[in-house]
C-alpha atoms as a PDB file:
ATOM      1  CA  MET A   1      71.528 203.017 145.767  1.00  0.00           C
ATOM      2  CA  THR A   2      75.131 203.506 144.698  1.00  0.00           C
ATOM      3  CA  GLU A   3      76.000 203.670 141.027  1.00  0.00           C
ATOM      4  CA  LEU A   4      77.976 200.234 141.314  1.00  0.00           C
ATOM      5  CA  SER A   5      74.736 198.572 143.113  1.00  0.00           C
ATOM      6  CA  ARG A   6      72.539 199.575 140.307  1.00  0.00           C
ATOM      7  CA  PHE A   7      74.992 198.285 137.716  1.00  0.00           C
ATOM      8  CA  HIS A   8      75.140 194.835 139.449  1.00  0.00           C
ATOM      9  CA  PHE A   9      71.289 194.708 140.035  1.00  0.00           C
ATOM     10  CA  ARG A  10      70.801 195.647 136.205  1.00  0.00           C
ATOM     11  CA  PHE A  11      73.670 193.027 135.116  1.00  0.00           C
ATOM     12  CA  SER A  12      72.155 190.527 137.338  1.00  0.00           C
ATOM     13  CA  LEU A  13      68.460 191.152 135.954  1.00  0.00           C
ATOM     14  CA  GLY A  14      69.682 191.092 132.399  1.00  0.00           C
ATOM     15  CA  ALA A  15      71.622 187.682 132.901  1.00  0.00           C
ATOM     16  CA  LEU A  16      68.342 186.133 134.718  1.00  0.00           C
ATOM     17  CA  VAL A  17      66.262 187.181 131.880  1.00  0.00           C
ATOM     18  CA  LEU A  18      68.863 186.018 129.146  1.00  0.00           C
ATOM     19  CA  LEU A  19      69.095 182.442 131.176  1.00  0.00           C
ATOM     20  CA  THR A  20      65.339 182.177 131.362  1.00  0.00           C
ATOM     21  CA  SER A  21      64.750 182.832 127.774  1.00  0.00           C
ATOM     22  CA  SER A  22      67.399 180.399 126.542  1.00  0.00           C
ATOM     23  CA  TRP A  23      65.876 177.749 128.904  1.00  0.00           C
ATOM     24  CA  SER A  24      62.549 178.118 127.240  1.00  0.00           C
ATOM     25  CA  LEU A  25      63.922 177.974 123.699  1.00  0.00           C
ATOM     26  CA  LEU A  26      65.867 175.033 124.620  1.00  0.00           C
ATOM     27  CA  ALA A  27      62.652 173.337 126.284  1.00  0.00           C
ATOM     28  CA  GLN A  28      60.877 173.961 122.807  1.00  0.00           C
ATOM     29  CA  ALA A  29      63.303 172.337 120.480  1.00  0.00           C
ATOM     30  CA  PRO A  30      62.056 169.287 118.913  1.00  0.00           C
ATOM     31  CA  ALA A  31      63.447 165.824 120.001  1.00  0.00           C
ATOM     32  CA  THR A  32      65.730 164.450 117.376  1.00  0.00           C
ATOM     33  CA  ALA A  33      67.661 161.046 117.220  1.00  0.00           C
ATOM     34  CA  MET A  34      70.982 160.172 115.477  1.00  0.00           C
ATOM     35  CA  LEU A  35      71.989 157.118 113.475  1.00  0.00           C
ATOM     36  CA  SER A  36      75.539 156.130 112.955  1.00  0.00           C
ATOM     37  CA  GLY A  37      77.749 153.307 112.386  1.00  0.00           C
ATOM     38  CA  ILE A  38      80.692 151.953 110.207  1.00  0.00           C
ATOM     39  CA  ILE A  39      80.214 150.371 106.815  1.00  0.00           C
ATOM     40  CA  THR A  40      82.686 147.425 105.920  1.00  0.00           C
ATOM     41  CA  ASN A  41      82.990 144.909 103.148  1.00  0.00           C
ATOM     42  CA  SER A  42      82.912 141.203 103.522  1.00  0.00           C
ATOM     43  CA  SER A  43      86.753 141.112 104.146  1.00  0.00           C
ATOM     44  CA  GLY A  44      86.453 143.722 107.013  1.00  0.00           C
ATOM     45  CA  ALA A  45      87.829 146.591 105.118  1.00  0.00           C
ATOM     46  CA  VAL A  46      86.042 149.889 105.574  1.00  0.00           C
ATOM     47  CA  VAL A  47      84.035 151.262 102.739  1.00  0.00           C
ATOM     48  CA  VAL A  48      85.117 154.807 101.967  1.00  0.00           C
ATOM     49  CA  GLY A  49      82.154 156.752 100.284  1.00  0.00           C
ATOM     50  CA  ALA A  50      79.289 154.403 100.936  1.00  0.00           C
ATOM     51  CA  THR A  51      75.780 156.311 100.450  1.00  0.00           C
ATOM     52  CA  ILE A  52      73.777 156.046 103.499  1.00  0.00           C
ATOM     53  CA  SER A  53      70.043 157.092 102.822  1.00  0.00           C
ATOM     54  CA  ALA A  54      67.446 157.343 105.681  1.00  0.00           C
ATOM     55  CA  ARG A  55      63.937 157.503 104.553  1.00  0.00           C
ATOM     56  CA  ASN A  56      61.224 158.334 107.348  1.00  0.00           C
ATOM     57  CA  LEU A  57      58.295 156.001 106.555  1.00  0.00           C
ATOM     58  CA  ALA A  58      55.897 158.468 108.218  1.00  0.00           C
ATOM     59  CA  THR A  59      56.648 161.535 106.117  1.00  0.00           C
ATOM     60  CA  ASN A  60      58.648 159.859 103.163  1.00  0.00           C
ATOM     61  CA  GLN A  61      61.744 162.536 103.997  1.00  0.00           C
ATOM     62  CA  TYR A  62      65.083 161.556 103.015  1.00  0.00           C
ATOM     63  CA  THR A  63      68.413 162.350 104.501  1.00  0.00           C
ATOM     64  CA  GLU A  64      71.598 161.203 102.822  1.00  0.00           C
ATOM     65  CA  VAL A  65      75.205 161.066 103.982  1.00  0.00           C
ATOM     66  CA  GLN A  66      78.484 159.405 102.768  1.00  0.00           C
ATOM     67  CA  SER A  67      80.737 157.325 104.976  1.00  0.00           C
ATOM     68  CA  ASN A  68      84.110 158.971 105.455  1.00  0.00           C
ATOM     69  CA  SER A  69      87.848 157.675 105.215  1.00  0.00           C
ATOM     70  CA  GLY A  70      87.319 155.492 108.205  1.00  0.00           C
ATOM     71  CA  GLY A  71      83.950 153.949 106.798  1.00  0.00           C
ATOM     72  CA  ALA A  72      82.155 155.814 109.437  1.00  0.00           C
ATOM     73  CA  TYR A  73      78.720 157.733 108.919  1.00  0.00           C
ATOM     74  CA  SER A  74      76.302 159.926 111.044  1.00  0.00           C
ATOM     75  CA  VAL A  75      72.587 160.884 110.036  1.00  0.00           C
ATOM     76  CA  MET A  76      71.871 163.604 112.625  1.00  0.00           C
ATOM     77  CA  ASN A  77      68.885 165.486 113.405  1.00  0.00           C
ATOM     78  CA  LEU A  78      66.424 162.929 112.551  1.00  0.00           C
ATOM     79  CA  ALA A  79      62.735 162.886 113.681  1.00  0.00           C
ATOM     80  CA  PRO A  80      61.869 160.133 115.853  1.00  0.00           C
ATOM     81  CA  GLY A  81      60.181 157.075 114.160  1.00  0.00           C
ATOM     82  CA  GLU A  82      60.653 154.361 111.787  1.00  0.00           C
ATOM     83  CA  TYR A  83      63.307 154.538 109.176  1.00  0.00           C
ATOM     84  CA  GLU A  84      64.098 152.548 105.940  1.00  0.00           C
ATOM     85  CA  VAL A  85      67.855 152.602 105.780  1.00  0.00           C
ATOM     86  CA  SER A  86      69.567 152.002 102.402  1.00  0.00           C
ATOM     87  CA  ILE A  87      73.430 151.439 102.254  1.00  0.00           C
ATOM     88  CA  SER A  88      75.064 151.277  98.891  1.00  0.00           C
ATOM     89  CA  SER A  89      78.630 151.507  97.310  1.00  0.00           C
ATOM     90  CA  ASP A  90      80.083 150.720  93.780  1.00  0.00           C
ATOM     91  CA  ALA A  91      80.740 147.136  93.098  1.00  0.00           C
ATOM     92  CA  LEU A  92      78.973 146.173  96.453  1.00  0.00           C
ATOM     93  CA  SER A  93      75.470 144.963  96.791  1.00  0.00           C
ATOM     94  CA  THR A  94      72.995 147.594  98.332  1.00  0.00           C
ATOM     95  CA  LYS A  95      71.647 146.637 101.706  1.00  0.00           C
ATOM     96  CA  ILE A  96      68.273 147.691 103.110  1.00  0.00           C
ATOM     97  CA  ILE A  97      67.398 147.943 106.955  1.00  0.00           C
ATOM     98  CA  ARG A  98      64.566 149.026 109.002  1.00  0.00           C
ATOM     99  CA  VAL A  99      65.308 151.025 112.265  1.00  0.00           C
ATOM    100  CA  THR A 100      63.185 152.715 114.865  1.00  0.00           C
ATOM    101  CA  LEU A 101      64.783 155.804 116.329  1.00  0.00           C
ATOM    102  CA  ALA A 102      63.498 157.070 119.755  1.00  0.00           C
ATOM    103  CA  ALA A 103      63.665 160.762 120.540  1.00  0.00           C
ATOM    104  CA  ASN A 104      66.742 161.989 121.817  1.00  0.00           C
ATOM    105  CA  GLY A 105      68.130 158.604 120.880  1.00  0.00           C
ATOM    106  CA  ARG A 106      71.360 157.257 119.357  1.00  0.00           C
ATOM    107  CA  GLN A 107      71.456 154.207 117.520  1.00  0.00           C
ATOM    108  CA  MET A 108      74.502 152.303 116.101  1.00  0.00           C
ATOM    109  CA  GLN A 109      74.176 150.472 112.887  1.00  0.00           C
ATOM    110  CA  ASP A 110      77.412 148.908 111.747  1.00  0.00           C
ATOM    111  CA  GLN A 111      76.670 147.299 108.429  1.00  0.00           C
ATOM    112  CA  THR A 112      78.571 144.912 106.133  1.00  0.00           C
ATOM    113  CA  LEU A 113      78.108 145.155 102.296  1.00  0.00           C
ATOM    114  CA  SER A 114      78.773 141.883 100.073  1.00  0.00           C
ATOM    115  CA  PRO A 115      80.107 141.935  96.485  1.00  0.00           C
ATOM    116  CA  SER A 116      77.424 142.700  94.175  1.00  0.00           C
ATOM    117  CA  SER A 117      75.948 139.336  92.556  1.00  0.00           C
ATOM    118  CA  ALA A 118      75.676 141.224  89.308  1.00  0.00           C
ATOM    119  CA  ASP A 119      79.426 140.602  88.671  1.00  0.00           C
ATOM    120  CA  ALA A 120      79.250 136.931  89.465  1.00  0.00           C
ATOM    121  CA  PRO A 121      77.904 134.669  86.945  1.00  0.00           C
ATOM    122  CA  SER A 122      75.087 132.448  87.569  1.00  0.00           C
ATOM    123  CA  LEU A 123      74.759 128.621  87.237  1.00  0.00           C
ATOM    124  CA  GLY A 124      72.665 128.960  84.367  1.00  0.00           C
ATOM    125  CA  ASP A 125      75.448 131.239  82.747  1.00  0.00           C
ATOM    126  CA  LEU A 126      77.838 128.582  83.286  1.00  0.00           C
ATOM    127  CA  GLY A 127      75.767 125.920  81.564  1.00  0.00           C
ATOM    128  CA  PHE A 128      74.154 124.309  84.601  1.00  0.00           C
ATOM    129  CA  GLY A 129      70.309 123.498  85.175  1.00  0.00           C
ATOM    130  CA  PRO A 130      68.315 124.627  88.394  1.00  0.00           C
ATOM    131  CA  ASN A 131      68.575 121.439  90.009  1.00  0.00           C
ATOM    132  CA  HIS A 132      72.453 120.940  89.657  1.00  0.00           C
ATOM    133  CA  ALA A 133      74.210 120.915  93.109  1.00  0.00           C
ATOM    134  CA  ARG A 134      77.956 120.486  93.306  1.00  0.00           C
ATOM    135  CA  GLY A 135      79.508 117.951  91.055  1.00  0.00           C
ATOM    136  CA  SER A 136      82.620 116.217  90.499  1.00  0.00           C
ATOM    137  CA  ALA A 137      86.115 117.894  90.395  1.00  0.00           C
ATOM    138  CA  GLN A 138      85.689 117.567  86.693  1.00  0.00           C
ATOM    139  CA  ASP A 139      82.458 119.596  86.851  1.00  0.00           C
ATOM    140  CA  GLU A 140      84.317 122.261  89.310  1.00  0.00           C
ATOM    141  CA  ALA A 141      87.100 122.704  86.522  1.00  0.00           C
ATOM    142  CA  ARG A 142      84.491 123.188  83.913  1.00  0.00           C
ATOM    143  CA  VAL A 143      82.848 125.857  86.046  1.00  0.00           C
ATOM    144  CA  ASP A 144      86.247 127.533  87.014  1.00  0.00           C
ATOM    145  CA  ARG A 145      86.962 127.854  83.049  1.00  0.00           C
ATOM    146  CA  ARG A 146      83.565 129.144  82.044  1.00  0.00           C
ATOM    147  CA  THR A 147      83.519 131.658  84.916  1.00  0.00           C
ATOM    148  CA  HIS A 148      87.230 132.766  83.672  1.00  0.00           C
ATOM    149  CA  MET A 149      85.866 132.983  80.143  1.00  0.00           C
ATOM    150  CA  LEU A 150      82.805 134.838  80.864  1.00  0.00           C
ATOM    151  CA  MET A 151      84.635 137.329  83.213  1.00  0.00           C
ATOM    152  CA  SER A 152      87.240 137.886  80.075  1.00  0.00           C
ATOM    153  CA  ILE A 153      84.114 138.271  78.058  1.00  0.00           C
ATOM    154  CA  ASN A 154      82.525 140.950  80.481  1.00  0.00           C
ATOM    155  CA  GLY A 155      85.851 142.767  81.033  1.00  0.00           C
ATOM    156  CA  SER A 156      85.739 141.659  84.701  1.00  0.00           C
ATOM    157  CA  ALA A 157      88.984 139.628  84.499  1.00  0.00           C
END
């Protein structure tokens, strides 16, 4: 066997061993899943910096990410299973959803966050009882005045 033939044989054998060992490592890698989507507010604008927290219900393990400048998020390398996903942002209500992720699956979960109800006064705060529905134009004007007054007091206006 010539020197060049030996080199080709050794190189081919080394490449074969490398490919075989790489393939077995890939076969042993755990199957993971990915959750991604876009977070918007109720007017359709993207929410930058929203916190997305995914909790595996079987292991109680948390993974947390933030939405980017386009409102997009990706939670990668999740074990397959059921998750409780919490999406929150300042001045917006927190949304909690449940998702089931399959092995090697990718699930899109676009979500819309509403304004936080903590910022809006309740009917009780405005002087109305629990059975009061929509009233006359005078009642609505009174609600508007009281809402404005309460928001001024709370520093929301």
